[in-house]
Amino acid sequence: MSKIRTSEKEPHYRGSFFIESKNDMADMFRLLSPRYDLLNHLFSLGSDFSWRRKSAKALNFKSGDKVLDFGAGTGDFGLAVRKQTEVEITALDLVPEMLEKMKQKAGNDADWLSLIVADGEDIPFSDDTFDGSVAGFVGRNLFDLRQGLSEIRRVLKPGGRLGFLEFCRPENSSMKVFSWLYFRLIVKPLGNLLVPKKLPAYRYLIDSIEAFHSAAQMRQLFQDVGFRDVHTVRFNLGTVALTVGTK
């Protein structure tokens, strides 16, 4: 069993790793930030651009909406939404280095963008603040996914929608085989060529994808915290899912 540092209680388990605090998680992504976009494109073989664009279109936010980009990372999902519609984006992430990359992508004149360094399981906004929210490939990094979803729902206005895009564990046996082959024969070898072998965070990202919920389990979590009209938009033969719910 591998560890990424040791500090606090409540370890976060994904595959072969324990990450023992949110500080450890932030430190890991701080180290990954220079390569984060490369890894996302690698895992998807470049399809992540299309997944975000199609997700933004499916969510169909209105011009002027205030949208929370939850666990924004380097901002590709929020920026895809902005390209679709002239919304106001508030990007929230635990790692300032990630948000700085989003700022660079958006440009210095992006007065529609606000950056907030904060814990997604304790969102520093009042109830009923946002018209909508997006979250891209962040669910498997939360210590308490249910709490994160509850917090997003709390800060959404009534009728506000959340689109949660994530790699999901396949639900049928043939797709489980496809997923295993995809990560072990394509993604992992490419990653070994592009990422330093001494960086355990890369292995964490692979393990966390394979250990995450199925699309059905994600829909159930949405319903458990109070979202309605919950449904799934599938990509990549069902190995990637946009879970949509309404407050």
C-alpha atoms as a PDB file:
ATOM      1  CA  MET A   1       0.000   0.000   0.000  1.00  0.00           C
ATOM      2  CA  SER A   2       1.377   3.410  -0.988  1.00  0.00           C
ATOM      3  CA  LYS A   3       1.039   6.694   0.827  1.00  0.00           C
ATOM      4  CA  ILE A   4       1.226  10.313  -0.217  1.00  0.00           C
ATOM      5  CA  ARG A   5       2.522  11.918   2.982  1.00  0.00           C
ATOM      6  CA  THR A   6       1.087  11.485   6.438  1.00  0.00           C
ATOM      7  CA  SER A   7      -0.582  14.156   8.511  1.00  0.00           C
ATOM      8  CA  GLU A   8      -4.234  14.050   9.562  1.00  0.00           C
ATOM      9  CA  LYS A   9      -7.011  11.581  10.244  1.00  0.00           C
ATOM     10  CA  GLU A  10      -9.881  10.552   7.926  1.00  0.00           C
ATOM     11  CA  PRO A  11      -7.745   9.056   5.110  1.00  0.00           C
ATOM     12  CA  HIS A  12      -9.052   9.245   1.568  1.00  0.00           C
ATOM     13  CA  TYR A  13      -8.722   5.861  -0.121  1.00  0.00           C
ATOM     14  CA  ARG A  14      -8.516   5.409  -3.864  1.00  0.00           C
ATOM     15  CA  GLY A  15      -7.128   2.204  -5.327  1.00  0.00           C
ATOM     16  CA  SER A  16      -3.653   1.660  -3.873  1.00  0.00           C
ATOM     17  CA  PHE A  17      -3.338   5.031  -2.112  1.00  0.00           C
ATOM     18  CA  PHE A  18      -4.281   6.609   1.154  1.00  0.00           C
ATOM     19  CA  ILE A  19      -4.227  10.412   1.126  1.00  0.00           C
ATOM     20  CA  GLU A  20      -4.487  11.383   4.750  1.00  0.00           C
ATOM     21  CA  SER A  21      -5.559  15.034   4.631  1.00  0.00           C
ATOM     22  CA  LYS A  22      -6.897  17.739   2.371  1.00  0.00           C
ATOM     23  CA  ASN A  23      -3.534  19.447   2.679  1.00  0.00           C
ATOM     24  CA  ASP A  24      -1.959  16.315   1.198  1.00  0.00           C
ATOM     25  CA  MET A  25      -4.481  16.420  -1.640  1.00  0.00           C
ATOM     26  CA  ALA A  26      -3.731  20.090  -2.311  1.00  0.00           C
ATOM     27  CA  ASP A  27       0.013  19.437  -2.224  1.00  0.00           C
ATOM     28  CA  MET A  28      -0.374  16.610  -4.727  1.00  0.00           C
ATOM     29  CA  PHE A  29      -2.300  18.761  -7.192  1.00  0.00           C
ATOM     30  CA  ARG A  30       0.110  21.638  -6.665  1.00  0.00           C
ATOM     31  CA  LEU A  31       2.861  19.319  -7.896  1.00  0.00           C
ATOM     32  CA  LEU A  32       0.654  18.144 -10.767  1.00  0.00           C
ATOM     33  CA  SER A  33      -0.444  21.618 -11.874  1.00  0.00           C
ATOM     34  CA  PRO A  34       2.255  22.058 -14.575  1.00  0.00           C
ATOM     35  CA  ARG A  35       1.166  18.757 -16.182  1.00  0.00           C
ATOM     36  CA  TYR A  36      -2.508  18.660 -15.228  1.00  0.00           C
ATOM     37  CA  ASP A  37      -3.950  19.653 -18.608  1.00  0.00           C
ATOM     38  CA  LEU A  38      -1.596  17.240 -20.358  1.00  0.00           C
ATOM     39  CA  LEU A  39      -2.770  14.383 -18.123  1.00  0.00           C
ATOM     40  CA  ASN A  40      -6.449  15.175 -18.724  1.00  0.00           C
ATOM     41  CA  HIS A  41      -5.907  15.166 -22.473  1.00  0.00           C
ATOM     42  CA  LEU A  42      -3.863  11.973 -22.148  1.00  0.00           C
ATOM     43  CA  PHE A  43      -6.485  10.066 -20.160  1.00  0.00           C
ATOM     44  CA  SER A  44      -9.129  10.962 -22.739  1.00  0.00           C
ATOM     45  CA  LEU A  45      -6.926  10.765 -25.848  1.00  0.00           C
ATOM     46  CA  GLY A  46      -8.015  14.347 -26.489  1.00  0.00           C
ATOM     47  CA  SER A  47     -11.740  13.649 -26.196  1.00  0.00           C
ATOM     48  CA  ASP A  48     -12.137  15.726 -23.014  1.00  0.00           C
ATOM     49  CA  PHE A  49     -12.513  18.886 -25.134  1.00  0.00           C
ATOM     50  CA  SER A  50     -15.570  17.374 -26.803  1.00  0.00           C
ATOM     51  CA  TRP A  51     -17.008  16.029 -23.530  1.00  0.00           C
ATOM     52  CA  ARG A  52     -16.896  19.469 -21.909  1.00  0.00           C
ATOM     53  CA  ARG A  53     -18.257  21.244 -24.977  1.00  0.00           C
ATOM     54  CA  LYS A  54     -21.183  18.805 -25.312  1.00  0.00           C
ATOM     55  CA  SER A  55     -21.833  18.985 -21.557  1.00  0.00           C
ATOM     56  CA  ALA A  56     -21.959  22.786 -21.665  1.00  0.00           C
ATOM     57  CA  LYS A  57     -24.420  22.594 -24.547  1.00  0.00           C
ATOM     58  CA  ALA A  58     -26.592  20.058 -22.712  1.00  0.00           C
ATOM     59  CA  LEU A  59     -26.762  22.269 -19.597  1.00  0.00           C
ATOM     60  CA  ASN A  60     -27.918  25.239 -21.714  1.00  0.00           C
ATOM     61  CA  PHE A  61     -27.308  28.007 -19.174  1.00  0.00           C
ATOM     62  CA  LYS A  62     -28.727  31.439 -19.999  1.00  0.00           C
ATOM     63  CA  SER A  63     -26.759  34.612 -20.684  1.00  0.00           C
ATOM     64  CA  GLY A  64     -26.098  36.429 -17.413  1.00  0.00           C
ATOM     65  CA  ASP A  65     -26.423  33.312 -15.236  1.00  0.00           C
ATOM     66  CA  LYS A  66     -24.078  33.067 -12.281  1.00  0.00           C
ATOM     67  CA  VAL A  67     -22.343  29.689 -12.539  1.00  0.00           C
ATOM     68  CA  LEU A  68     -20.146  28.000  -9.937  1.00  0.00           C
ATOM     69  CA  ASP A  69     -17.248  26.007 -11.412  1.00  0.00           C
ATOM     70  CA  PHE A  70     -16.787  23.588  -8.521  1.00  0.00           C
ATOM     71  CA  GLY A  71     -13.298  22.115  -8.159  1.00  0.00           C
ATOM     72  CA  ALA A  72     -12.404  24.174 -11.208  1.00  0.00           C
ATOM     73  CA  GLY A  73      -8.804  23.040 -11.549  1.00  0.00           C
ATOM     74  CA  THR A  74      -7.355  24.842 -14.565  1.00  0.00           C
ATOM     75  CA  GLY A  75     -10.835  25.883 -15.636  1.00  0.00           C
ATOM     76  CA  ASP A  76     -11.545  23.990 -18.839  1.00  0.00           C
ATOM     77  CA  PHE A  77     -15.161  23.140 -17.950  1.00  0.00           C
ATOM     78  CA  GLY A  78     -16.074  26.650 -16.820  1.00  0.00           C
ATOM     79  CA  LEU A  79     -14.396  28.115 -19.884  1.00  0.00           C
ATOM     80  CA  ALA A  80     -16.347  25.720 -22.119  1.00  0.00           C
ATOM     81  CA  VAL A  81     -19.562  26.986 -20.533  1.00  0.00           C
ATOM     82  CA  ARG A  82     -18.468  30.591 -21.082  1.00  0.00           C
ATOM     83  CA  LYS A  83     -17.813  29.873 -24.781  1.00  0.00           C
ATOM     84  CA  GLN A  84     -21.344  28.497 -25.033  1.00  0.00           C
ATOM     85  CA  THR A  85     -23.079  31.401 -23.242  1.00  0.00           C
ATOM     86  CA  GLU A  86     -22.045  34.711 -21.686  1.00  0.00           C
ATOM     87  CA  VAL A  87     -22.354  33.628 -18.067  1.00  0.00           C
ATOM     88  CA  GLU A  88     -20.526  34.892 -14.983  1.00  0.00           C
ATOM     89  CA  ILE A  89     -18.153  32.226 -13.644  1.00  0.00           C
ATOM     90  CA  THR A  90     -17.028  31.788 -10.051  1.00  0.00           C
ATOM     91  CA  ALA A  91     -14.215  29.224 -10.029  1.00  0.00           C
ATOM     92  CA  LEU A  92     -13.614  27.456  -6.721  1.00  0.00           C
ATOM     93  CA  ASP A  93     -10.635  25.204  -6.051  1.00  0.00           C
ATOM     94  CA  LEU A  94      -8.383  24.208  -3.157  1.00  0.00           C
ATOM     95  CA  VAL A  95      -5.194  24.828  -5.158  1.00  0.00           C
ATOM     96  CA  PRO A  96      -4.335  28.433  -6.137  1.00  0.00           C
ATOM     97  CA  GLU A  97      -1.788  27.281  -8.723  1.00  0.00           C
ATOM     98  CA  MET A  98      -4.609  25.586 -10.639  1.00  0.00           C
ATOM     99  CA  LEU A  99      -6.780  28.694 -10.569  1.00  0.00           C
ATOM    100  CA  GLU A 100      -3.863  30.824 -11.755  1.00  0.00           C
ATOM    101  CA  LYS A 101      -3.730  28.694 -14.890  1.00  0.00           C
ATOM    102  CA  MET A 102      -7.445  29.301 -15.444  1.00  0.00           C
ATOM    103  CA  LYS A 103      -6.855  33.041 -15.092  1.00  0.00           C
ATOM    104  CA  GLN A 104      -4.121  32.882 -17.729  1.00  0.00           C
ATOM    105  CA  LYS A 105      -6.422  31.027 -20.123  1.00  0.00           C
ATOM    106  CA  ALA A 106      -9.278  33.488 -19.599  1.00  0.00           C
ATOM    107  CA  GLY A 107      -7.094  36.576 -20.105  1.00  0.00           C
ATOM    108  CA  ASN A 108      -6.549  39.681 -18.027  1.00  0.00           C
ATOM    109  CA  ASP A 109      -9.756  41.367 -19.232  1.00  0.00           C
ATOM    110  CA  ALA A 110     -12.045  38.530 -18.052  1.00  0.00           C
ATOM    111  CA  ASP A 111     -14.222  40.614 -15.719  1.00  0.00           C
ATOM    112  CA  TRP A 112     -16.793  37.806 -15.807  1.00  0.00           C
ATOM    113  CA  LEU A 113     -14.462  35.496 -13.854  1.00  0.00           C
ATOM    114  CA  SER A 114     -13.942  35.311 -10.067  1.00  0.00           C
ATOM    115  CA  LEU A 115     -11.421  32.961  -8.443  1.00  0.00           C
ATOM    116  CA  ILE A 116     -11.974  31.544  -4.959  1.00  0.00           C
ATOM    117  CA  VAL A 117      -9.493  29.335  -3.068  1.00  0.00           C
ATOM    118  CA  ALA A 118     -11.681  27.245  -0.766  1.00  0.00           C
ATOM    119  CA  ASP A 119     -12.718  23.770   0.351  1.00  0.00           C
ATOM    120  CA  GLY A 120     -15.516  22.412  -1.827  1.00  0.00           C
ATOM    121  CA  GLU A 121     -16.999  20.582   1.153  1.00  0.00           C
ATOM    122  CA  ASP A 122     -17.550  23.942   2.915  1.00  0.00           C
ATOM    123  CA  ILE A 123     -18.413  26.430   0.163  1.00  0.00           C
ATOM    124  CA  PRO A 124     -18.042  30.040   1.422  1.00  0.00           C
ATOM    125  CA  PHE A 125     -21.256  31.370  -0.161  1.00  0.00           C
ATOM    126  CA  SER A 126     -24.783  31.889   1.119  1.00  0.00           C
ATOM    127  CA  ASP A 127     -27.715  29.673   0.229  1.00  0.00           C
ATOM    128  CA  ASP A 128     -29.350  30.275  -3.159  1.00  0.00           C
ATOM    129  CA  THR A 129     -26.430  32.203  -4.697  1.00  0.00           C
ATOM    130  CA  PHE A 130     -25.868  30.590  -8.100  1.00  0.00           C
ATOM    131  CA  ASP A 131     -28.078  29.882 -11.115  1.00  0.00           C
ATOM    132  CA  GLY A 132     -26.084  26.769 -11.975  1.00  0.00           C
ATOM    133  CA  SER A 133     -22.924  24.801 -11.328  1.00  0.00           C
ATOM    134  CA  VAL A 134     -20.503  22.557 -13.166  1.00  0.00           C
ATOM    135  CA  ALA A 135     -17.884  20.148 -11.836  1.00  0.00           C
ATOM    136  CA  GLY A 136     -15.393  18.370 -14.068  1.00  0.00           C
ATOM    137  CA  PHE A 137     -13.316  15.365 -13.013  1.00  0.00           C
ATOM    138  CA  VAL A 138     -13.221  16.416  -9.359  1.00  0.00           C
ATOM    139  CA  GLY A 139     -15.604  13.972  -7.686  1.00  0.00           C
ATOM    140  CA  ARG A 140     -13.059  11.245  -7.071  1.00  0.00           C
ATOM    141  CA  ASN A 141     -10.796  13.735  -5.270  1.00  0.00           C
ATOM    142  CA  LEU A 142     -13.321  14.764  -2.616  1.00  0.00           C
ATOM    143  CA  PHE A 143     -12.984  13.254   0.825  1.00  0.00           C
ATOM    144  CA  ASP A 144     -16.780  13.326   1.215  1.00  0.00           C
ATOM    145  CA  LEU A 145     -18.541  13.397  -2.144  1.00  0.00           C
ATOM    146  CA  ARG A 146     -21.998  13.445  -0.560  1.00  0.00           C
ATOM    147  CA  GLN A 147     -21.066  16.542   1.449  1.00  0.00           C
ATOM    148  CA  GLY A 148     -19.678  18.234  -1.652  1.00  0.00           C
ATOM    149  CA  LEU A 149     -22.895  17.578  -3.568  1.00  0.00           C
ATOM    150  CA  SER A 150     -24.951  18.829  -0.610  1.00  0.00           C
ATOM    151  CA  GLU A 151     -22.933  22.040  -0.520  1.00  0.00           C
ATOM    152  CA  ILE A 152     -23.399  22.641  -4.239  1.00  0.00           C
ATOM    153  CA  ARG A 153     -27.141  22.112  -3.898  1.00  0.00           C
ATOM    154  CA  ARG A 154     -27.244  24.515  -0.929  1.00  0.00           C
ATOM    155  CA  VAL A 155     -25.677  27.400  -2.874  1.00  0.00           C
ATOM    156  CA  LEU A 156     -27.842  26.844  -5.980  1.00  0.00           C
ATOM    157  CA  LYS A 157     -31.012  28.847  -6.424  1.00  0.00           C
ATOM    158  CA  PRO A 158     -34.269  26.865  -6.669  1.00  0.00           C
ATOM    159  CA  GLY A 159     -34.389  25.496 -10.201  1.00  0.00           C
ATOM    160  CA  GLY A 160     -30.607  25.727 -10.550  1.00  0.00           C
ATOM    161  CA  ARG A 161     -28.873  22.812 -12.272  1.00  0.00           C
ATOM    162  CA  LEU A 162     -25.631  20.977 -11.559  1.00  0.00           C
ATOM    163  CA  GLY A 163     -23.691  19.178 -14.271  1.00  0.00           C
ATOM    164  CA  PHE A 164     -21.140  16.758 -12.793  1.00  0.00           C
ATOM    165  CA  LEU A 165     -18.755  15.329 -15.404  1.00  0.00           C
ATOM    166  CA  GLU A 166     -16.620  12.380 -14.320  1.00  0.00           C
ATOM    167  CA  PHE A 167     -15.025   9.113 -15.346  1.00  0.00           C
ATOM    168  CA  CYS A 168     -17.406   6.428 -14.058  1.00  0.00           C
ATOM    169  CA  ARG A 169     -17.020   2.722 -13.450  1.00  0.00           C
ATOM    170  CA  PRO A 170     -18.715   0.787 -16.283  1.00  0.00           C
ATOM    171  CA  GLU A 171     -21.882  -1.092 -15.384  1.00  0.00           C
ATOM    172  CA  ASN A 172     -21.700  -4.010 -17.810  1.00  0.00           C
ATOM    173  CA  SER A 173     -19.032  -6.687 -18.069  1.00  0.00           C
ATOM    174  CA  SER A 174     -17.906  -5.950 -21.642  1.00  0.00           C
ATOM    175  CA  MET A 175     -17.343  -2.272 -20.868  1.00  0.00           C
ATOM    176  CA  LYS A 176     -15.425  -3.200 -17.702  1.00  0.00           C
ATOM    177  CA  VAL A 177     -13.015  -5.165 -19.893  1.00  0.00           C
ATOM    178  CA  PHE A 178     -12.785  -2.278 -22.369  1.00  0.00           C
ATOM    179  CA  SER A 179     -12.080   0.192 -19.552  1.00  0.00           C
ATOM    180  CA  TRP A 180      -9.380  -2.014 -18.031  1.00  0.00           C
ATOM    181  CA  LEU A 181      -7.657  -2.464 -21.390  1.00  0.00           C
ATOM    182  CA  TYR A 182      -7.961   1.251 -22.166  1.00  0.00           C
ATOM    183  CA  PHE A 183      -6.199   2.366 -18.987  1.00  0.00           C
ATOM    184  CA  ARG A 184      -3.666  -0.440 -18.748  1.00  0.00           C
ATOM    185  CA  LEU A 185      -2.660  -0.722 -22.411  1.00  0.00           C
ATOM    186  CA  ILE A 186      -3.059   2.869 -23.641  1.00  0.00           C
ATOM    187  CA  VAL A 187      -3.234   5.475 -20.883  1.00  0.00           C
ATOM    188  CA  LYS A 188      -0.726   3.995 -18.459  1.00  0.00           C
ATOM    189  CA  PRO A 189       2.073   3.358 -21.011  1.00  0.00           C
ATOM    190  CA  LEU A 190       1.654   6.854 -22.453  1.00  0.00           C
ATOM    191  CA  GLY A 191       1.661   8.318 -18.958  1.00  0.00           C
ATOM    192  CA  ASN A 192       4.863   6.503 -18.099  1.00  0.00           C
ATOM    193  CA  LEU A 193       6.517   8.151 -21.090  1.00  0.00           C
ATOM    194  CA  LEU A 194       5.328  11.660 -20.248  1.00  0.00           C
ATOM    195  CA  VAL A 195       5.263  11.782 -16.445  1.00  0.00           C
ATOM    196  CA  PRO A 196       8.237  11.265 -14.088  1.00  0.00           C
ATOM    197  CA  LYS A 197       8.083   7.739 -12.674  1.00  0.00           C
ATOM    198  CA  LYS A 198       8.809   9.031  -9.182  1.00  0.00           C
ATOM    199  CA  LEU A 199       5.583  11.065  -9.155  1.00  0.00           C
ATOM    200  CA  PRO A 200       3.054   8.881  -7.265  1.00  0.00           C
ATOM    201  CA  ALA A 201       0.251  11.320  -7.993  1.00  0.00           C
ATOM    202  CA  TYR A 202       0.040   9.945 -11.528  1.00  0.00           C
ATOM    203  CA  ARG A 203      -0.713   6.466 -10.170  1.00  0.00           C
ATOM    204  CA  TYR A 204      -3.278   8.015  -7.853  1.00  0.00           C
ATOM    205  CA  LEU A 205      -5.135   9.534 -10.801  1.00  0.00           C
ATOM    206  CA  ILE A 206      -5.284   6.186 -12.602  1.00  0.00           C
ATOM    207  CA  ASP A 207      -6.381   4.299  -9.465  1.00  0.00           C
ATOM    208  CA  SER A 208      -8.983   6.919  -8.552  1.00  0.00           C
ATOM    209  CA  ILE A 209     -10.612   6.654 -11.984  1.00  0.00           C
ATOM    210  CA  GLU A 210     -10.908   2.867 -11.737  1.00  0.00           C
ATOM    211  CA  ALA A 211     -12.251   3.004  -8.161  1.00  0.00           C
ATOM    212  CA  PHE A 212     -14.956   5.641  -8.685  1.00  0.00           C
ATOM    213  CA  HIS A 213     -18.740   5.214  -8.702  1.00  0.00           C
ATOM    214  CA  SER A 214     -20.839   3.979 -11.575  1.00  0.00           C
ATOM    215  CA  ALA A 215     -23.266   6.346 -13.320  1.00  0.00           C
ATOM    216  CA  ALA A 216     -26.170   4.686 -11.478  1.00  0.00           C
ATOM    217  CA  GLN A 217     -24.475   5.249  -8.128  1.00  0.00           C
ATOM    218  CA  MET A 218     -23.894   8.904  -9.019  1.00  0.00           C
ATOM    219  CA  ARG A 219     -27.588   9.356  -9.828  1.00  0.00           C
ATOM    220  CA  GLN A 220     -28.472   7.815  -6.473  1.00  0.00           C
ATOM    221  CA  LEU A 221     -26.101  10.179  -4.641  1.00  0.00           C
ATOM    222  CA  PHE A 222     -27.708  13.155  -6.382  1.00  0.00           C
ATOM    223  CA  GLN A 223     -31.149  11.964  -5.322  1.00  0.00           C
ATOM    224  CA  ASP A 224     -29.980  11.257  -1.771  1.00  0.00           C
ATOM    225  CA  VAL A 225     -28.917  14.890  -1.252  1.00  0.00           C
ATOM    226  CA  GLY A 226     -32.158  16.246  -2.716  1.00  0.00           C
ATOM    227  CA  PHE A 227     -31.633  16.850  -6.430  1.00  0.00           C
ATOM    228  CA  ARG A 228     -34.603  16.138  -8.701  1.00  0.00           C
ATOM    229  CA  ASP A 229     -34.932  15.331 -12.415  1.00  0.00           C
ATOM    230  CA  VAL A 230     -31.612  13.479 -12.193  1.00  0.00           C
ATOM    231  CA  HIS A 231     -30.329  11.973 -15.425  1.00  0.00           C
ATOM    232  CA  THR A 232     -27.126  10.885 -17.142  1.00  0.00           C
ATOM    233  CA  VAL A 233     -25.547  11.948 -20.430  1.00  0.00           C
ATOM    234  CA  ARG A 234     -22.974   9.311 -21.427  1.00  0.00           C
ATOM    235  CA  PHE A 235     -19.728   9.705 -23.372  1.00  0.00           C
ATOM    236  CA  ASN A 236     -16.893   7.413 -24.410  1.00  0.00           C
ATOM    237  CA  LEU A 237     -19.068   4.266 -24.584  1.00  0.00           C
ATOM    238  CA  GLY A 238     -20.381   4.971 -21.085  1.00  0.00           C
ATOM    239  CA  THR A 239     -17.046   5.273 -19.258  1.00  0.00           C
ATOM    240  CA  VAL A 240     -17.585   9.036 -18.839  1.00  0.00           C
ATOM    241  CA  ALA A 241     -20.854  10.423 -17.524  1.00  0.00           C
ATOM    242  CA  LEU A 242     -22.395  13.856 -17.068  1.00  0.00           C
ATOM    243  CA  THR A 243     -24.806  13.570 -14.148  1.00  0.00           C
ATOM    244  CA  VAL A 244     -27.377  16.381 -14.187  1.00  0.00           C
ATOM    245  CA  GLY A 245     -29.677  17.329 -11.335  1.00  0.00           C
ATOM    246  CA  THR A 246     -31.965  20.250 -10.480  1.00  0.00           C
ATOM    247  CA  LYS A 247     -32.515  21.883  -7.087  1.00  0.00           C
END
